[in-house]
PDB file of N, CA and C in Angstrom:
ATOM      1  N   MET A   1     -25.453 106.876 -58.417  1.00  0.00           N
ATOM      2  CA  MET A   1     -24.251 106.535 -57.669  1.00  0.00           C
ATOM      3  C   MET A   1     -24.525 106.495 -56.162  1.00  0.00           C
ATOM      4  N   ASP A   2     -25.454 107.308 -55.698  1.00  0.00           N
ATOM      5  CA  ASP A   2     -25.782 107.289 -54.271  1.00  0.00           C
ATOM      6  C   ASP A   2     -26.304 105.919 -53.852  1.00  0.00           C
ATOM      7  N   TYR A   3     -27.039 105.275 -54.759  1.00  0.00           N
ATOM      8  CA  TYR A   3     -27.592 103.956 -54.470  1.00  0.00           C
ATOM      9  C   TYR A   3     -26.469 102.938 -54.261  1.00  0.00           C
ATOM     10  N   ILE A   4     -25.465 102.966 -55.146  1.00  0.00           N
ATOM     11  CA  ILE A   4     -24.339 102.035 -55.041  1.00  0.00           C
ATOM     12  C   ILE A   4     -23.525 102.323 -53.786  1.00  0.00           C
ATOM     13  N   GLU A   5     -23.291 103.591 -53.487  1.00  0.00           N
ATOM     14  CA  GLU A   5     -22.541 103.950 -52.278  1.00  0.00           C
ATOM     15  C   GLU A   5     -23.281 103.492 -51.025  1.00  0.00           C
ATOM     16  N   GLY A   6     -24.607 103.591 -51.036  1.00  0.00           N
ATOM     17  CA  GLY A   6     -25.403 103.122 -49.896  1.00  0.00           C
ATOM     18  C   GLY A   6     -25.272 101.624 -49.705  1.00  0.00           C
ATOM     19  N   ILE A   7     -25.281 100.887 -50.805  1.00  0.00           N
ATOM     20  CA  ILE A   7     -25.127  99.434 -50.728  1.00  0.00           C
ATOM     21  C   ILE A   7     -23.741  99.080 -50.194  1.00  0.00           C
ATOM     22  N   ILE A   8     -22.709  99.755 -50.712  1.00  0.00           N
ATOM     23  CA  ILE A   8     -21.342  99.484 -50.254  1.00  0.00           C
ATOM     24  C   ILE A   8     -21.209  99.796 -48.765  1.00  0.00           C
ATOM     25  N   GLU A   9     -21.810 100.876 -48.319  1.00  0.00           N
ATOM     26  CA  GLU A   9     -21.742 101.244 -46.901  1.00  0.00           C
ATOM     27  C   GLU A   9     -22.441 100.203 -46.033  1.00  0.00           C
ATOM     28  N   ARG A  10     -23.596  99.716 -46.480  1.00  0.00           N
ATOM     29  CA  ARG A  10     -24.322  98.690 -45.717  1.00  0.00           C
ATOM     30  C   ARG A  10     -23.538  97.389 -45.665  1.00  0.00           C
ATOM     31  N   VAL A  11     -22.928  97.008 -46.788  1.00  0.00           N
ATOM     32  CA  VAL A  11     -22.144  95.773 -46.816  1.00  0.00           C
ATOM     33  C   VAL A  11     -20.928  95.900 -45.894  1.00  0.00           C
ATOM     34  N   ALA A  12     -20.255  97.037 -45.924  1.00  0.00           N
ATOM     35  CA  ALA A  12     -19.093  97.251 -45.058  1.00  0.00           C
ATOM     36  C   ALA A  12     -19.494  97.201 -43.587  1.00  0.00           C
ATOM     37  N   ASP A  13     -20.631  97.777 -43.246  1.00  0.00           N
ATOM     38  CA  ASP A  13     -21.125  97.745 -41.874  1.00  0.00           C
ATOM     39  C   ASP A  13     -21.459  96.317 -41.459  1.00  0.00           C
ATOM     40  N   TRP A  14     -22.087  95.570 -42.367  1.00  0.00           N
ATOM     41  CA  TRP A  14     -22.444  94.182 -42.073  1.00  0.00           C
ATOM     42  C   TRP A  14     -21.192  93.345 -41.852  1.00  0.00           C
ATOM     43  N   ILE A  15     -20.152  93.586 -42.655  1.00  0.00           N
ATOM     44  CA  ILE A  15     -18.899  92.845 -42.505  1.00  0.00           C
ATOM     45  C   ILE A  15     -18.247  93.172 -41.164  1.00  0.00           C
ATOM     46  N   ARG A  16     -18.269  94.462 -40.764  1.00  0.00           N
ATOM     47  CA  ARG A  16     -17.717  94.842 -39.455  1.00  0.00           C
ATOM     48  C   ARG A  16     -18.455  94.139 -38.331  1.00  0.00           C
ATOM     49  N   GLN A  17     -19.779  94.082 -38.418  1.00  0.00           N
ATOM     50  CA  GLN A  17     -20.571  93.404 -37.389  1.00  0.00           C
ATOM     51  C   GLN A  17     -20.267  91.914 -37.360  1.00  0.00           C
ATOM     52  N   LEU A  18     -20.089  91.310 -38.524  1.00  0.00           N
ATOM     53  CA  LEU A  18     -19.776  89.891 -38.600  1.00  0.00           C
ATOM     54  C   LEU A  18     -18.413  89.597 -37.977  1.00  0.00           C
ATOM     55  N   ILE A  19     -17.427  90.438 -38.276  1.00  0.00           N
ATOM     56  CA  ILE A  19     -16.093  90.254 -37.697  1.00  0.00           C
ATOM     57  C   ILE A  19     -16.145  90.423 -36.187  1.00  0.00           C
ATOM     58  N   ASP A  20     -16.875  91.422 -35.689  1.00  0.00           N
ATOM     59  CA  ASP A  20     -17.010  91.609 -34.242  1.00  0.00           C
ATOM     60  C   ASP A  20     -17.679  90.407 -33.594  1.00  0.00           C
ATOM     61  N   ALA A  21     -18.674  89.829 -34.256  1.00  0.00           N
ATOM     62  CA  ALA A  21     -19.371  88.672 -33.697  1.00  0.00           C
ATOM     63  C   ALA A  21     -18.461  87.444 -33.661  1.00  0.00           C
ATOM     64  N   LEU A  22     -17.656  87.270 -34.693  1.00  0.00           N
ATOM     65  CA  LEU A  22     -16.785  86.101 -34.748  1.00  0.00           C
ATOM     66  C   LEU A  22     -15.564  86.246 -33.852  1.00  0.00           C
ATOM     67  N   MET A  23     -14.976  87.424 -33.844  1.00  0.00           N
ATOM     68  CA  MET A  23     -13.741  87.635 -33.096  1.00  0.00           C
ATOM     69  C   MET A  23     -13.995  88.087 -31.663  1.00  0.00           C
ATOM     70  N   GLY A  24     -15.149  88.612 -31.388  1.00  0.00           N
ATOM     71  CA  GLY A  24     -15.418  89.141 -30.064  1.00  0.00           C
ATOM     72  C   GLY A  24     -14.903  90.566 -29.960  1.00  0.00           C
ATOM     73  N   GLU A  25     -15.306  91.255 -28.933  1.00  0.00           N
ATOM     74  CA  GLU A  25     -14.891  92.640 -28.759  1.00  0.00           C
ATOM     75  C   GLU A  25     -13.394  92.736 -28.507  1.00  0.00           C
ATOM     76  N   SER A  26     -12.860  91.858 -27.658  1.00  0.00           N
ATOM     77  CA  SER A  26     -11.420  91.857 -27.394  1.00  0.00           C
ATOM     78  C   SER A  26     -10.911  90.446 -27.636  1.00  0.00           C
ATOM     79  N   PRO A  27     -10.285  90.208 -28.768  1.00  0.00           N
ATOM     80  CA  PRO A  27      -9.804  88.856 -29.074  1.00  0.00           C
ATOM     81  C   PRO A  27      -8.744  88.404 -28.080  1.00  0.00           C
ATOM     82  N   GLU A  28      -8.841  87.137 -27.675  1.00  0.00           N
ATOM     83  CA  GLU A  28      -7.875  86.583 -26.737  1.00  0.00           C
ATOM     84  C   GLU A  28      -6.613  86.178 -27.493  1.00  0.00           C
ATOM     85  N   ALA A  29      -5.501  86.276 -26.821  1.00  0.00           N
ATOM     86  CA  ALA A  29      -4.244  85.877 -27.437  1.00  0.00           C
ATOM     87  C   ALA A  29      -4.227  84.357 -27.594  1.00  0.00           C
ATOM     88  N   GLU A  30      -3.663  83.885 -28.680  1.00  0.00           N
ATOM     89  CA  GLU A  30      -3.575  82.454 -28.903  1.00  0.00           C
ATOM     90  C   GLU A  30      -2.532  81.871 -27.961  1.00  0.00           C
ATOM     91  N   PRO A  31      -2.789  80.683 -27.435  1.00  0.00           N
ATOM     92  CA  PRO A  31      -1.795  80.085 -26.530  1.00  0.00           C
ATOM     93  C   PRO A  31      -0.505  79.786 -27.286  1.00  0.00           C
ATOM     94  N   GLU A  32       0.592  80.041 -26.613  1.00  0.00           N
ATOM     95  CA  GLU A  32       1.897  79.839 -27.240  1.00  0.00           C
ATOM     96  C   GLU A  32       2.282  78.367 -27.136  1.00  0.00           C
ATOM     97  N   LEU A  33       2.738  77.790 -28.231  1.00  0.00           N
ATOM     98  CA  LEU A  33       3.142  76.390 -28.228  1.00  0.00           C
ATOM     99  C   LEU A  33       4.466  76.223 -27.502  1.00  0.00           C
ATOM    100  N   ILE A  34       4.566  75.134 -26.735  1.00  0.00           N
ATOM    101  CA  ILE A  34       5.784  74.855 -25.977  1.00  0.00           C
ATOM    102  C   ILE A  34       6.556  73.774 -26.714  1.00  0.00           C
ATOM    103  N   PRO A  35       7.794  74.051 -27.121  1.00  0.00           N
ATOM    104  CA  PRO A  35       8.575  73.023 -27.812  1.00  0.00           C
ATOM    105  C   PRO A  35       8.958  71.888 -26.860  1.00  0.00           C
ATOM    106  N   ILE A  36       8.828  70.655 -27.333  1.00  0.00           N
ATOM    107  CA  ILE A  36       9.166  69.485 -26.528  1.00  0.00           C
ATOM    108  C   ILE A  36      10.456  68.902 -27.092  1.00  0.00           C
ATOM    109  N   PRO A  37      11.502  68.826 -26.269  1.00  0.00           N
ATOM    110  CA  PRO A  37      12.762  68.273 -26.770  1.00  0.00           C
ATOM    111  C   PRO A  37      12.631  66.781 -27.052  1.00  0.00           C
ATOM    112  N   VAL A  38      13.188  66.345 -28.168  1.00  0.00           N
ATOM    113  CA  VAL A  38      13.150  64.932 -28.550  1.00  0.00           C
ATOM    114  C   VAL A  38      14.560  64.496 -28.868  1.00  0.00           C
ATOM    115  N   ARG A  39      14.951  63.370 -28.314  1.00  0.00           N
ATOM    116  CA  ARG A  39      16.282  62.861 -28.605  1.00  0.00           C
ATOM    117  C   ARG A  39      16.243  62.136 -29.936  1.00  0.00           C
ATOM    118  N   ASP A  40      17.130  62.543 -30.820  1.00  0.00           N
ATOM    119  CA  ASP A  40      17.216  61.888 -32.127  1.00  0.00           C
ATOM    120  C   ASP A  40      18.061  60.629 -32.011  1.00  0.00           C
ATOM    121  N   ARG A  41      17.567  59.536 -32.582  1.00  0.00           N
ATOM    122  CA  ARG A  41      18.351  58.308 -32.590  1.00  0.00           C
ATOM    123  C   ARG A  41      19.352  58.384 -33.730  1.00  0.00           C
ATOM    124  N   GLN A  42      20.571  58.023 -33.441  1.00  0.00           N
ATOM    125  CA  GLN A  42      21.579  58.011 -34.489  1.00  0.00           C
ATOM    126  C   GLN A  42      21.549  56.659 -35.168  1.00  0.00           C
ATOM    127  N   SER A  43      21.601  56.671 -36.492  1.00  0.00           N
ATOM    128  CA  SER A  43      21.561  55.419 -37.234  1.00  0.00           C
ATOM    129  C   SER A  43      22.877  54.662 -37.060  1.00  0.00           C
ATOM    130  N   ARG A  44      22.786  53.339 -37.006  1.00  0.00           N
ATOM    131  CA  ARG A  44      23.973  52.505 -36.753  1.00  0.00           C
ATOM    132  C   ARG A  44      24.635  52.102 -38.031  1.00  0.00           C
TER     133      ARG A  44
END
């Protein structure tokens, strides 16, 4: 069981490192979308 626990620990550590590499140490906030008003045409 120690062997399996060691593998799980290594995989979890590798996943943490991968997430840190992809997301960066401090993830930036996503830019907020600005709604653009559109005039709806009324059907005749």
